[in-house]
Structures are given as structure tokens and as C-alpha cells.
């Protein structure tokens, strides 16, 4: 059986990056195409007001990253909050990455805000706090590409911490078998991260920029997180592996 995943895009790529990388939805589709559980994807850009019709049904909804602040009150963010709350109350499975990770934490009783630690860029390493059976393949620690200046500073009361670091204490969490979120970007590749660093060099400052560039020498485990996500979604479905 093939999983059906709705990707809720919460941003558009910078114009100079569109030709090479197309969109965040396309980056996620390319990521998930490399993992072993069959899935198909439909992308809706909620920033532009696009949502699935009521007649569509999905096994999970994935909220992407965005340059927007998860705690902002832009009309499109308010609309997305209401939509995700309805999905959650219906029992749908929801995945969140970066902005999505922060927005869902806020929506479900946690806290997200501008981080005192400042910008996180490049490749970052996390400690695994818990390893449920769907986290296959198992790893001792996790490395992901990141680009964020906001963080989840308090988890929802019913959330379980999955991964953390000193820089980002609430880097990944799960809520029962329904919500799974990561601060890092499994869909990023090194070239895209380098392009973002170059674009933001002046804003980041030379020290953070150089540290970020140097960190790109390390591999990352976006493919591992993609498989975790699909195994999390597949749990409880007849004939699907866990």
C-alpha cells in the first residue's frame, strides 16, 4: 500500500534558487523518493492560500520550513493554525519541519520564540533522547542541516523529546502516534545550505558564516529522518512495516 502525504508549503524559494531547486515541496518529494516505504505526495502552498479540498484524504500532513516566524500573526499563518488544529482534533497524523516544528509546538501548548542562542546554520549534531521502534535505522546521534533563528523553548505537555543538543534543547519531539517534528531540515542538501549561507553572509556576520561553511564538510542524515517519518506515518496501517 502506498502512503498519501499532503505537503503544506509555507514559503517559496528565493528567485535566484528556483531554477535549480524548484520548491520546498519538490525538495521533500526528492528526499522521500530515496526511502523504502512507497509514498505519493500532493503539494499545496498555504502561503498562497492553497489547501486540499475536503474530498481529499491523506495519511499525513507535512508542514515545511519558512522564513516567517511561527509566532507571527500574519493572516495566512492564522489560517494555517486553524487548519492544523482541526486536522489534529480529527486525529490526523502531522509532520513538522523547522517552521512547522515550531508552529505545531505553539499550537499544541508549547512555546516558540526568537532564540537567545542566535542563528543556527550549517550542519548540526543532536543527541538521541528516545528511540521508539519506528526510528529505524537506529542511530546513536543525529546530524542534520539547519537554518533557523527561532526555536521551540518549551514542548507541549504531552510531547516526548526525541533529539536535543546544547544549542537546541528541543530539536525533535513526538506526540503519541500523531505528531512528529524536527527543527533540522532533512530535505536540505549541502549545496542548498551553502547557497543560503552565501545569500545571508552579511546578515549572519563573518564568524557564524565561516563556521557554517566549515561545518558543511560533514555528512547529514536527512535520508534517515525521511525513513523515520514514513515509518511513523505507516504505523497501524495494515500491511505496512513499522
C-alpha atoms as a PDB file:
ATOM      1  CA  UNK A   1       0.000   0.000   0.000  1.00  0.00           C
ATOM      2  CA  UNK A   2       1.256   3.469  -0.903  1.00  0.00           C
ATOM      3  CA  UNK A   3       1.067   6.271   1.650  1.00  0.00           C
ATOM      4  CA  UNK A   4      -0.535   9.555   0.580  1.00  0.00           C
ATOM      5  CA  UNK A   5       1.164  12.618   2.049  1.00  0.00           C
ATOM      6  CA  UNK A   6      -0.058  16.208   1.819  1.00  0.00           C
ATOM      7  CA  UNK A   7       2.825  18.703   1.808  1.00  0.00           C
ATOM      8  CA  UNK A   8       1.768  22.114   3.116  1.00  0.00           C
ATOM      9  CA  UNK A   9       4.363  24.535   1.731  1.00  0.00           C
ATOM     10  CA  UNK A  10       4.806  27.583   3.938  1.00  0.00           C
ATOM     11  CA  UNK A  11       7.259  29.507   1.776  1.00  0.00           C
ATOM     12  CA  UNK A  12       8.573  29.976  -1.738  1.00  0.00           C
ATOM     13  CA  UNK A  13      12.222  29.749  -2.708  1.00  0.00           C
ATOM     14  CA  UNK A  14      14.274  32.852  -3.343  1.00  0.00           C
ATOM     15  CA  UNK A  15      14.106  33.716  -7.066  1.00  0.00           C
ATOM     16  CA  UNK A  16      17.790  33.007  -7.664  1.00  0.00           C
ATOM     17  CA  UNK A  17      17.371  29.441  -6.339  1.00  0.00           C
ATOM     18  CA  UNK A  18      14.160  28.413  -8.138  1.00  0.00           C
ATOM     19  CA  UNK A  19      15.770  27.157 -11.363  1.00  0.00           C
ATOM     20  CA  UNK A  20      17.987  24.686  -9.526  1.00  0.00           C
ATOM     21  CA  UNK A  21      15.809  23.647  -6.560  1.00  0.00           C
ATOM     22  CA  UNK A  22      12.250  24.443  -7.790  1.00  0.00           C
ATOM     23  CA  UNK A  23      10.361  24.468  -4.458  1.00  0.00           C
ATOM     24  CA  UNK A  24      10.345  23.137  -0.903  1.00  0.00           C
ATOM     25  CA  UNK A  25       7.676  20.649  -1.905  1.00  0.00           C
ATOM     26  CA  UNK A  26       9.892  19.310  -4.682  1.00  0.00           C
ATOM     27  CA  UNK A  27      12.849  19.047  -2.279  1.00  0.00           C
ATOM     28  CA  UNK A  28      10.738  16.917   0.068  1.00  0.00           C
ATOM     29  CA  UNK A  29       9.489  14.747  -2.791  1.00  0.00           C
ATOM     30  CA  UNK A  30      13.086  14.097  -3.856  1.00  0.00           C
ATOM     31  CA  UNK A  31      14.039  13.274  -0.263  1.00  0.00           C
ATOM     32  CA  UNK A  32      11.205  10.805   0.284  1.00  0.00           C
ATOM     33  CA  UNK A  33      11.764   9.133  -3.077  1.00  0.00           C
ATOM     34  CA  UNK A  34      15.011   7.731  -1.638  1.00  0.00           C
ATOM     35  CA  UNK A  35      13.460   5.917   1.334  1.00  0.00           C
ATOM     36  CA  UNK A  36      11.975   2.396   1.212  1.00  0.00           C
ATOM     37  CA  UNK A  37       8.282   2.970   2.028  1.00  0.00           C
ATOM     38  CA  UNK A  38       6.153   3.765  -1.008  1.00  0.00           C
ATOM     39  CA  UNK A  39       4.525   7.188  -0.856  1.00  0.00           C
ATOM     40  CA  UNK A  40       2.951   9.742  -3.150  1.00  0.00           C
ATOM     41  CA  UNK A  41       2.720  13.463  -2.492  1.00  0.00           C
ATOM     42  CA  UNK A  42       0.404  16.353  -3.245  1.00  0.00           C
ATOM     43  CA  UNK A  43       1.753  19.857  -2.590  1.00  0.00           C
ATOM     44  CA  UNK A  44      -0.327  22.874  -1.532  1.00  0.00           C
ATOM     45  CA  UNK A  45       1.261  26.276  -0.937  1.00  0.00           C
ATOM     46  CA  UNK A  46      -0.624  27.663   2.054  1.00  0.00           C
ATOM     47  CA  UNK A  47       1.312  30.939   1.869  1.00  0.00           C
ATOM     48  CA  UNK A  48      -0.585  31.494  -1.391  1.00  0.00           C
ATOM     49  CA  UNK A  49      -3.872  30.279   0.127  1.00  0.00           C
ATOM     50  CA  UNK A  50      -3.900  26.806  -1.427  1.00  0.00           C
ATOM     51  CA  UNK A  51      -5.358  23.938   0.664  1.00  0.00           C
ATOM     52  CA  UNK A  52      -6.633  20.428  -0.098  1.00  0.00           C
ATOM     53  CA  UNK A  53     -10.338  20.123  -0.971  1.00  0.00           C
ATOM     54  CA  UNK A  54     -12.476  18.383   1.642  1.00  0.00           C
ATOM     55  CA  UNK A  55     -12.808  15.415  -0.700  1.00  0.00           C
ATOM     56  CA  UNK A  56      -9.073  14.647  -0.480  1.00  0.00           C
ATOM     57  CA  UNK A  57      -7.819  12.251   2.191  1.00  0.00           C
ATOM     58  CA  UNK A  58      -4.213  11.768   3.268  1.00  0.00           C
ATOM     59  CA  UNK A  59      -2.255   9.532   5.614  1.00  0.00           C
ATOM     60  CA  UNK A  60      -0.331  12.556   6.946  1.00  0.00           C
ATOM     61  CA  UNK A  61       0.156  16.300   6.530  1.00  0.00           C
ATOM     62  CA  UNK A  62       3.694  17.728   6.428  1.00  0.00           C
ATOM     63  CA  UNK A  63       4.305  21.391   7.308  1.00  0.00           C
ATOM     64  CA  UNK A  64       7.513  22.724   5.739  1.00  0.00           C
ATOM     65  CA  UNK A  65      10.026  25.323   6.832  1.00  0.00           C
ATOM     66  CA  UNK A  66       9.587  29.039   6.191  1.00  0.00           C
ATOM     67  CA  UNK A  67      11.416  32.319   6.600  1.00  0.00           C
ATOM     68  CA  UNK A  68       8.315  33.518   8.500  1.00  0.00           C
ATOM     69  CA  UNK A  69       8.133  33.465  12.300  1.00  0.00           C
ATOM     70  CA  UNK A  70       5.906  30.712  13.672  1.00  0.00           C
ATOM     71  CA  UNK A  71       4.699  33.095  16.392  1.00  0.00           C
ATOM     72  CA  UNK A  72       3.696  35.846  13.937  1.00  0.00           C
ATOM     73  CA  UNK A  73       0.065  36.814  13.333  1.00  0.00           C
ATOM     74  CA  UNK A  74       0.037  37.091   9.537  1.00  0.00           C
ATOM     75  CA  UNK A  75      -3.410  36.115   8.185  1.00  0.00           C
ATOM     76  CA  UNK A  76      -2.038  33.097   6.304  1.00  0.00           C
ATOM     77  CA  UNK A  77      -0.370  31.825   9.497  1.00  0.00           C
ATOM     78  CA  UNK A  78      -3.604  32.238  11.461  1.00  0.00           C
ATOM     79  CA  UNK A  79      -5.445  30.316   8.742  1.00  0.00           C
ATOM     80  CA  UNK A  80      -2.827  27.546   8.844  1.00  0.00           C
ATOM     81  CA  UNK A  81      -3.062  27.328  12.644  1.00  0.00           C
ATOM     82  CA  UNK A  82      -6.820  26.837  12.451  1.00  0.00           C
ATOM     83  CA  UNK A  83      -6.450  24.231   9.702  1.00  0.00           C
ATOM     84  CA  UNK A  84      -3.808  22.244  11.611  1.00  0.00           C
ATOM     85  CA  UNK A  85      -5.798  22.357  14.838  1.00  0.00           C
ATOM     86  CA  UNK A  86      -8.784  20.899  13.006  1.00  0.00           C
ATOM     87  CA  UNK A  87      -6.600  18.176  11.499  1.00  0.00           C
ATOM     88  CA  UNK A  88      -5.140  17.385  14.931  1.00  0.00           C
ATOM     89  CA  UNK A  89      -8.560  17.221  16.567  1.00  0.00           C
ATOM     90  CA  UNK A  90      -9.692  14.829  13.838  1.00  0.00           C
ATOM     91  CA  UNK A  91      -6.798  12.530  14.712  1.00  0.00           C
ATOM     92  CA  UNK A  92      -4.796  13.051  11.511  1.00  0.00           C
ATOM     93  CA  UNK A  93      -1.040  12.497  11.549  1.00  0.00           C
ATOM     94  CA  UNK A  94       1.039  15.659  11.180  1.00  0.00           C
ATOM     95  CA  UNK A  95       4.745  16.104  10.459  1.00  0.00           C
ATOM     96  CA  UNK A  96       6.593  19.384  11.037  1.00  0.00           C
ATOM     97  CA  UNK A  97       9.997  20.674   9.923  1.00  0.00           C
ATOM     98  CA  UNK A  98      11.626  23.893  11.207  1.00  0.00           C
ATOM     99  CA  UNK A  99       8.769  26.447  10.959  1.00  0.00           C
ATOM    100  CA  UNK A 100       6.317  23.515  11.054  1.00  0.00           C
ATOM    101  CA  UNK A 101       8.065  22.067  14.124  1.00  0.00           C
ATOM    102  CA  UNK A 102       7.740  25.421  15.909  1.00  0.00           C
ATOM    103  CA  UNK A 103       4.180  26.172  14.761  1.00  0.00           C
ATOM    104  CA  UNK A 104       2.862  22.807  15.945  1.00  0.00           C
ATOM    105  CA  UNK A 105       4.602  23.177  19.312  1.00  0.00           C
ATOM    106  CA  UNK A 106       2.901  26.565  19.779  1.00  0.00           C
ATOM    107  CA  UNK A 107      -0.448  25.288  18.580  1.00  0.00           C
ATOM    108  CA  UNK A 108      -0.445  22.322  20.964  1.00  0.00           C
ATOM    109  CA  UNK A 109       0.573  24.142  24.142  1.00  0.00           C
ATOM    110  CA  UNK A 110       4.335  24.647  23.907  1.00  0.00           C
ATOM    111  CA  UNK A 111       6.377  27.759  23.237  1.00  0.00           C
ATOM    112  CA  UNK A 112       8.481  29.016  20.310  1.00  0.00           C
ATOM    113  CA  UNK A 113      10.352  32.295  20.085  1.00  0.00           C
ATOM    114  CA  UNK A 114      13.452  34.059  18.808  1.00  0.00           C
ATOM    115  CA  UNK A 115      16.350  32.053  20.252  1.00  0.00           C
ATOM    116  CA  UNK A 116      18.831  33.667  22.623  1.00  0.00           C
ATOM    117  CA  UNK A 117      21.452  31.375  21.049  1.00  0.00           C
ATOM    118  CA  UNK A 118      21.184  33.270  17.753  1.00  0.00           C
ATOM    119  CA  UNK A 119      21.345  31.791  14.266  1.00  0.00           C
ATOM    120  CA  UNK A 120      21.878  28.079  13.763  1.00  0.00           C
ATOM    121  CA  UNK A 121      23.350  27.302  10.327  1.00  0.00           C
ATOM    122  CA  UNK A 122      25.265  24.560   8.537  1.00  0.00           C
ATOM    123  CA  UNK A 123      25.479  21.028   9.896  1.00  0.00           C
ATOM    124  CA  UNK A 124      24.418  20.334  13.471  1.00  0.00           C
ATOM    125  CA  UNK A 125      24.673  17.269  15.692  1.00  0.00           C
ATOM    126  CA  UNK A 126      21.982  16.100  18.146  1.00  0.00           C
ATOM    127  CA  UNK A 127      21.789  13.563  20.944  1.00  0.00           C
ATOM    128  CA  UNK A 128      19.026  10.967  20.655  1.00  0.00           C
ATOM    129  CA  UNK A 129      16.827  11.123  23.774  1.00  0.00           C
ATOM    130  CA  UNK A 130      14.460   8.285  22.916  1.00  0.00           C
ATOM    131  CA  UNK A 131      14.436   5.621  20.189  1.00  0.00           C
ATOM    132  CA  UNK A 132      10.949   4.202  19.509  1.00  0.00           C
ATOM    133  CA  UNK A 133      10.623   1.227  17.164  1.00  0.00           C
ATOM    134  CA  UNK A 134       9.720   3.413  14.178  1.00  0.00           C
ATOM    135  CA  UNK A 135      13.156   5.081  14.402  1.00  0.00           C
ATOM    136  CA  UNK A 136      14.681   2.537  12.033  1.00  0.00           C
ATOM    137  CA  UNK A 137      17.509   2.600  11.085  1.00  0.00           C
ATOM    138  CA  UNK A 138      18.690   3.293  14.630  1.00  0.00           C
ATOM    139  CA  UNK A 139      21.469   5.830  15.181  1.00  0.00           C
ATOM    140  CA  UNK A 140      23.470   6.818  18.249  1.00  0.00           C
ATOM    141  CA  UNK A 141      23.218  10.512  17.397  1.00  0.00           C
ATOM    142  CA  UNK A 142      21.728  12.559  14.577  1.00  0.00           C
ATOM    143  CA  UNK A 143      23.236  15.093  12.172  1.00  0.00           C
ATOM    144  CA  UNK A 144      21.060  17.451  10.119  1.00  0.00           C
ATOM    145  CA  UNK A 145      21.448  20.607   8.070  1.00  0.00           C
ATOM    146  CA  UNK A 146      19.887  23.618   9.800  1.00  0.00           C
ATOM    147  CA  UNK A 147      18.951  27.233   9.152  1.00  0.00           C
ATOM    148  CA  UNK A 148      16.974  28.938  11.930  1.00  0.00           C
ATOM    149  CA  UNK A 149      16.996  31.809  14.385  1.00  0.00           C
ATOM    150  CA  UNK A 150      13.827  30.710  16.250  1.00  0.00           C
ATOM    151  CA  UNK A 151      13.466  27.672  18.477  1.00  0.00           C
ATOM    152  CA  UNK A 152      10.930  25.693  20.477  1.00  0.00           C
ATOM    153  CA  UNK A 153      11.684  26.733  24.053  1.00  0.00           C
ATOM    154  CA  UNK A 154       9.008  24.612  25.768  1.00  0.00           C
ATOM    155  CA  UNK A 155       7.418  21.411  24.474  1.00  0.00           C
ATOM    156  CA  UNK A 156       3.685  20.736  24.631  1.00  0.00           C
ATOM    157  CA  UNK A 157       2.806  18.957  27.861  1.00  0.00           C
ATOM    158  CA  UNK A 158       2.126  15.613  26.177  1.00  0.00           C
ATOM    159  CA  UNK A 159       5.180  15.690  23.871  1.00  0.00           C
ATOM    160  CA  UNK A 160       8.121  13.266  24.116  1.00  0.00           C
ATOM    161  CA  UNK A 161      11.598  14.624  23.426  1.00  0.00           C
ATOM    162  CA  UNK A 162      13.299  12.708  20.598  1.00  0.00           C
ATOM    163  CA  UNK A 163      16.525  14.657  19.996  1.00  0.00           C
ATOM    164  CA  UNK A 164      18.371  17.595  21.564  1.00  0.00           C
ATOM    165  CA  UNK A 165      21.638  19.499  21.731  1.00  0.00           C
ATOM    166  CA  UNK A 166      23.065  22.179  23.982  1.00  0.00           C
ATOM    167  CA  UNK A 167      22.362  24.734  21.238  1.00  0.00           C
ATOM    168  CA  UNK A 168      18.847  23.406  20.511  1.00  0.00           C
ATOM    169  CA  UNK A 169      17.405  21.562  23.533  1.00  0.00           C
ATOM    170  CA  UNK A 170      14.055  20.724  21.881  1.00  0.00           C
ATOM    171  CA  UNK A 171      15.274  19.656  18.445  1.00  0.00           C
ATOM    172  CA  UNK A 172      12.748  16.878  17.782  1.00  0.00           C
ATOM    173  CA  UNK A 173       9.618  15.655  19.512  1.00  0.00           C
ATOM    174  CA  UNK A 174       6.650  13.349  19.074  1.00  0.00           C
ATOM    175  CA  UNK A 175       3.126  13.475  20.454  1.00  0.00           C
ATOM    176  CA  UNK A 176       1.696   9.977  20.832  1.00  0.00           C
ATOM    177  CA  UNK A 177       1.423   8.357  17.371  1.00  0.00           C
ATOM    178  CA  UNK A 178       0.072  11.533  15.798  1.00  0.00           C
ATOM    179  CA  UNK A 179       2.677  14.316  15.599  1.00  0.00           C
ATOM    180  CA  UNK A 180       6.394  14.122  14.730  1.00  0.00           C
ATOM    181  CA  UNK A 181       8.546  17.248  14.324  1.00  0.00           C
ATOM    182  CA  UNK A 182      12.187  18.169  13.645  1.00  0.00           C
ATOM    183  CA  UNK A 183      13.940  21.528  13.884  1.00  0.00           C
ATOM    184  CA  UNK A 184      16.554  20.475  11.325  1.00  0.00           C
ATOM    185  CA  UNK A 185      15.968  20.231   7.567  1.00  0.00           C
ATOM    186  CA  UNK A 186      16.116  16.634   6.292  1.00  0.00           C
ATOM    187  CA  UNK A 187      15.187  17.904   2.810  1.00  0.00           C
ATOM    188  CA  UNK A 188      18.212  20.209   2.502  1.00  0.00           C
ATOM    189  CA  UNK A 189      21.353  19.201   0.639  1.00  0.00           C
ATOM    190  CA  UNK A 190      24.795  20.706   1.188  1.00  0.00           C
ATOM    191  CA  UNK A 191      24.704  22.850  -1.963  1.00  0.00           C
ATOM    192  CA  UNK A 192      21.402  24.438  -0.965  1.00  0.00           C
ATOM    193  CA  UNK A 193      22.670  25.130   2.553  1.00  0.00           C
ATOM    194  CA  UNK A 194      25.798  26.763   1.093  1.00  0.00           C
ATOM    195  CA  UNK A 195      23.653  28.919  -1.203  1.00  0.00           C
ATOM    196  CA  UNK A 196      21.598  30.129   1.788  1.00  0.00           C
ATOM    197  CA  UNK A 197      24.750  30.882   3.744  1.00  0.00           C
ATOM    198  CA  UNK A 198      26.159  32.931   0.865  1.00  0.00           C
ATOM    199  CA  UNK A 199      22.913  34.894   0.485  1.00  0.00           C
ATOM    200  CA  UNK A 200      22.790  35.642   4.235  1.00  0.00           C
ATOM    201  CA  UNK A 201      26.518  36.180   4.791  1.00  0.00           C
ATOM    202  CA  UNK A 202      26.266  39.870   5.647  1.00  0.00           C
ATOM    203  CA  UNK A 203      23.240  39.343   7.882  1.00  0.00           C
ATOM    204  CA  UNK A 204      24.794  36.404   9.728  1.00  0.00           C
ATOM    205  CA  UNK A 205      28.163  38.051  10.350  1.00  0.00           C
ATOM    206  CA  UNK A 206      31.510  36.652   9.292  1.00  0.00           C
ATOM    207  CA  UNK A 207      32.079  34.350  12.277  1.00  0.00           C
ATOM    208  CA  UNK A 208      28.753  32.499  12.028  1.00  0.00           C
ATOM    209  CA  UNK A 209      29.048  32.383   8.233  1.00  0.00           C
ATOM    210  CA  UNK A 210      32.549  30.858   8.310  1.00  0.00           C
ATOM    211  CA  UNK A 211      31.563  28.324  10.992  1.00  0.00           C
ATOM    212  CA  UNK A 212      28.540  27.328   8.932  1.00  0.00           C
ATOM    213  CA  UNK A 213      30.574  26.888   5.749  1.00  0.00           C
ATOM    214  CA  UNK A 214      33.221  24.824   7.561  1.00  0.00           C
ATOM    215  CA  UNK A 215      30.529  22.551   9.059  1.00  0.00           C
ATOM    216  CA  UNK A 216      29.332  21.552   5.572  1.00  0.00           C
ATOM    217  CA  UNK A 217      32.294  19.187   5.336  1.00  0.00           C
ATOM    218  CA  UNK A 218      30.246  16.785   7.479  1.00  0.00           C
ATOM    219  CA  UNK A 219      27.589  14.416   6.150  1.00  0.00           C
ATOM    220  CA  UNK A 220      23.991  14.694   7.305  1.00  0.00           C
ATOM    221  CA  UNK A 221      21.239  12.113   7.897  1.00  0.00           C
ATOM    222  CA  UNK A 222      18.239  13.598   6.141  1.00  0.00           C
ATOM    223  CA  UNK A 223      17.522  10.253   4.487  1.00  0.00           C
ATOM    224  CA  UNK A 224      17.359   8.581   7.902  1.00  0.00           C
ATOM    225  CA  UNK A 225      14.835  11.146   9.166  1.00  0.00           C
ATOM    226  CA  UNK A 226      12.757  10.698   5.989  1.00  0.00           C
ATOM    227  CA  UNK A 227      12.528   6.964   6.660  1.00  0.00           C
ATOM    228  CA  UNK A 228      11.608   7.617  10.309  1.00  0.00           C
ATOM    229  CA  UNK A 229       8.824   9.940   9.188  1.00  0.00           C
ATOM    230  CA  UNK A 230       7.333   7.418   6.770  1.00  0.00           C
ATOM    231  CA  UNK A 231       7.577   4.593   9.321  1.00  0.00           C
ATOM    232  CA  UNK A 232       5.851   6.865  11.853  1.00  0.00           C
ATOM    233  CA  UNK A 233       3.048   7.538   9.366  1.00  0.00           C
ATOM    234  CA  UNK A 234       2.790   3.859   8.380  1.00  0.00           C
ATOM    235  CA  UNK A 235       2.336   2.646  11.984  1.00  0.00           C
ATOM    236  CA  UNK A 236      -1.008   0.952  12.469  1.00  0.00           C
ATOM    237  CA  UNK A 237      -1.741   0.559   8.773  1.00  0.00           C
ATOM    238  CA  UNK A 238      -2.486  -2.984   7.632  1.00  0.00           C
ATOM    239  CA  UNK A 239       0.382  -4.441   5.690  1.00  0.00           C
ATOM    240  CA  UNK A 240       2.733  -1.533   6.370  1.00  0.00           C
ATOM    241  CA  UNK A 241       6.097  -2.024   8.120  1.00  0.00           C
ATOM    242  CA  UNK A 242       6.951  -0.245  11.347  1.00  0.00           C
END
